[in-house]
């Protein structure tokens, strides 16, 4: 199943809010950076018991 995970940055003048827009998330627990085309890859999201998120495993 495809998963949409979105971070956003928004603000006005000298105040900004940046981070995960999931309901209830107040701090970042995970930073994922994938800079490649994932076509024909064996990448899969697996549950992570420590964070409770499904994390990308490449």
N, C-alpha and C. Protein backbone atom coordinates (compact mmCIF):
# COMPACT_ATOMS: atom_id res chain seq x y z
N UNK A 1 0.83 -1.18 0.00
CA UNK A 1 0.00 0.00 0.00
C UNK A 1 0.87 1.25 0.00
N UNK A 2 0.61 2.18 -0.90
CA UNK A 2 1.33 3.45 -0.85
C UNK A 2 0.99 4.20 0.44
N UNK A 3 1.97 4.91 0.98
CA UNK A 3 1.78 5.68 2.20
C UNK A 3 2.16 7.12 1.92
N UNK A 4 1.29 8.05 2.26
CA UNK A 4 1.61 9.46 2.11
C UNK A 4 2.15 9.97 3.43
N UNK A 5 3.35 10.49 3.41
CA UNK A 5 3.94 11.09 4.60
C UNK A 5 4.39 12.48 4.20
N UNK A 6 3.87 13.50 4.86
CA UNK A 6 4.08 14.87 4.42
C UNK A 6 4.65 15.72 5.54
N UNK A 7 5.71 16.42 5.22
CA UNK A 7 6.22 17.46 6.11
C UNK A 7 5.94 18.79 5.45
N UNK A 8 5.74 19.81 6.25
CA UNK A 8 5.42 21.13 5.71
C UNK A 8 6.12 22.20 6.52
N UNK A 9 6.30 23.34 5.90
CA UNK A 9 6.81 24.52 6.59
C UNK A 9 5.89 25.68 6.22
N UNK A 10 5.41 26.38 7.23
CA UNK A 10 4.54 27.53 6.95
C UNK A 10 4.75 28.57 8.04
N UNK A 11 4.46 29.79 7.71
CA UNK A 11 4.65 30.83 8.70
C UNK A 11 4.31 32.20 8.17
N UNK A 12 4.52 33.17 9.04
CA UNK A 12 4.27 34.56 8.69
C UNK A 12 5.22 35.41 9.52
N UNK A 13 5.82 36.39 8.87
CA UNK A 13 6.78 37.29 9.50
C UNK A 13 7.89 36.48 10.18
N UNK A 14 8.06 36.58 11.49
CA UNK A 14 9.19 35.88 12.13
C UNK A 14 8.76 34.61 12.87
N UNK A 15 7.58 34.06 12.57
CA UNK A 15 7.10 32.84 13.22
C UNK A 15 6.89 31.75 12.17
N UNK A 16 7.47 30.58 12.39
CA UNK A 16 7.26 29.46 11.47
C UNK A 16 7.01 28.18 12.24
N UNK A 17 6.34 27.27 11.58
CA UNK A 17 6.13 25.91 12.08
C UNK A 17 6.59 24.98 10.98
N UNK A 18 7.42 24.02 11.33
CA UNK A 18 7.97 23.09 10.35
C UNK A 18 7.93 21.68 10.93
N UNK A 19 7.51 20.72 10.12
CA UNK A 19 7.56 19.33 10.57
C UNK A 19 6.43 18.50 10.01
N UNK A 20 6.22 17.37 10.64
CA UNK A 20 5.22 16.40 10.23
C UNK A 20 3.82 16.96 10.50
N UNK A 21 2.91 16.76 9.54
CA UNK A 21 1.57 17.29 9.72
C UNK A 21 0.57 16.24 10.20
N UNK A 22 1.06 15.06 10.60
CA UNK A 22 0.15 14.04 11.14
C UNK A 22 -0.50 14.55 12.42
N UNK A 23 -1.76 14.22 12.59
CA UNK A 23 -2.50 14.62 13.78
C UNK A 23 -1.81 14.10 15.03
N UNK A 24 -1.52 14.96 15.98
CA UNK A 24 -0.97 14.56 17.26
C UNK A 24 0.54 14.52 17.34
N UNK A 25 1.25 14.63 16.20
CA UNK A 25 2.72 14.57 16.24
C UNK A 25 3.26 15.94 16.63
N UNK A 26 4.05 15.97 17.71
CA UNK A 26 4.58 17.24 18.19
C UNK A 26 6.10 17.33 18.03
N UNK A 27 6.76 16.21 17.86
CA UNK A 27 8.21 16.21 17.66
C UNK A 27 8.55 15.23 16.55
N UNK A 28 9.70 15.45 15.93
CA UNK A 28 10.15 14.51 14.91
C UNK A 28 10.80 13.32 15.59
N UNK A 29 10.42 12.12 15.20
CA UNK A 29 11.05 10.91 15.73
C UNK A 29 11.98 10.28 14.71
N UNK A 30 11.75 10.55 13.43
CA UNK A 30 12.48 9.87 12.37
C UNK A 30 12.81 10.86 11.26
N UNK A 31 14.01 10.76 10.71
CA UNK A 31 14.37 11.50 9.51
C UNK A 31 14.71 10.48 8.44
N UNK A 32 13.98 10.49 7.34
CA UNK A 32 14.26 9.60 6.22
C UNK A 32 14.64 10.45 5.02
N UNK A 33 15.72 10.09 4.37
CA UNK A 33 16.12 10.78 3.14
C UNK A 33 16.50 9.73 2.11
N UNK A 34 15.72 9.65 1.07
CA UNK A 34 16.00 8.73 -0.02
C UNK A 34 16.17 9.57 -1.28
N UNK A 35 17.35 9.52 -1.87
CA UNK A 35 17.61 10.26 -3.09
C UNK A 35 17.97 9.23 -4.16
N UNK A 36 16.95 8.60 -4.68
CA UNK A 36 17.12 7.62 -5.75
C UNK A 36 15.75 7.29 -6.31
N UNK A 37 15.73 6.75 -7.49
CA UNK A 37 14.47 6.31 -8.07
C UNK A 37 14.20 4.90 -7.57
N UNK A 38 13.08 4.70 -6.91
CA UNK A 38 12.78 3.39 -6.33
C UNK A 38 11.87 2.62 -7.29
N UNK A 39 12.46 2.19 -8.40
CA UNK A 39 11.75 1.39 -9.38
C UNK A 39 12.48 0.06 -9.47
N UNK A 40 11.78 -1.03 -9.24
CA UNK A 40 12.42 -2.33 -9.25
C UNK A 40 13.27 -2.56 -8.02
N UNK A 41 13.08 -1.75 -7.00
CA UNK A 41 13.83 -1.89 -5.75
C UNK A 41 13.10 -2.85 -4.81
N UNK A 42 13.82 -3.37 -3.85
CA UNK A 42 13.19 -4.24 -2.85
C UNK A 42 12.80 -3.44 -1.61
N UNK A 43 12.76 -2.10 -1.72
CA UNK A 43 12.41 -1.26 -0.58
C UNK A 43 11.00 -1.60 -0.08
N UNK A 44 10.86 -1.65 1.24
CA UNK A 44 9.57 -1.99 1.85
C UNK A 44 9.47 -1.27 3.20
N UNK A 45 8.25 -0.90 3.57
CA UNK A 45 8.03 -0.31 4.89
C UNK A 45 7.71 -1.42 5.87
N UNK A 46 8.41 -1.41 7.02
CA UNK A 46 8.20 -2.41 8.06
C UNK A 46 7.89 -1.71 9.38
N UNK A 47 7.04 -2.32 10.21
CA UNK A 47 6.72 -1.72 11.51
C UNK A 47 7.97 -1.61 12.38
N UNK A 48 8.12 -0.47 13.04
CA UNK A 48 9.21 -0.25 13.99
C UNK A 48 8.60 -0.17 15.38
N UNK A 49 8.86 -1.16 16.24
CA UNK A 49 8.25 -1.18 17.57
C UNK A 49 8.64 0.02 18.42
N UNK A 50 9.84 0.55 18.24
CA UNK A 50 10.30 1.67 19.06
C UNK A 50 9.54 2.95 18.82
N UNK A 51 9.21 3.24 17.54
CA UNK A 51 8.54 4.50 17.22
C UNK A 51 7.05 4.33 16.95
N UNK A 52 6.65 3.10 16.59
CA UNK A 52 5.26 2.87 16.23
C UNK A 52 4.95 3.22 14.79
N UNK A 53 5.96 3.66 14.02
CA UNK A 53 5.78 4.01 12.62
C UNK A 53 6.21 2.85 11.73
N UNK A 54 5.71 2.82 10.50
CA UNK A 54 6.22 1.90 9.48
C UNK A 54 7.37 2.63 8.80
N UNK A 55 8.61 2.11 8.94
CA UNK A 55 9.80 2.77 8.42
C UNK A 55 10.27 2.11 7.14
N UNK A 56 10.85 2.90 6.25
CA UNK A 56 11.33 2.41 4.97
C UNK A 56 12.63 1.65 5.14
N UNK A 57 12.65 0.41 4.68
CA UNK A 57 13.85 -0.43 4.69
C UNK A 57 14.27 -0.65 3.25
N UNK A 58 15.50 -0.28 2.92
CA UNK A 58 15.99 -0.41 1.55
C UNK A 58 16.95 -1.57 1.49
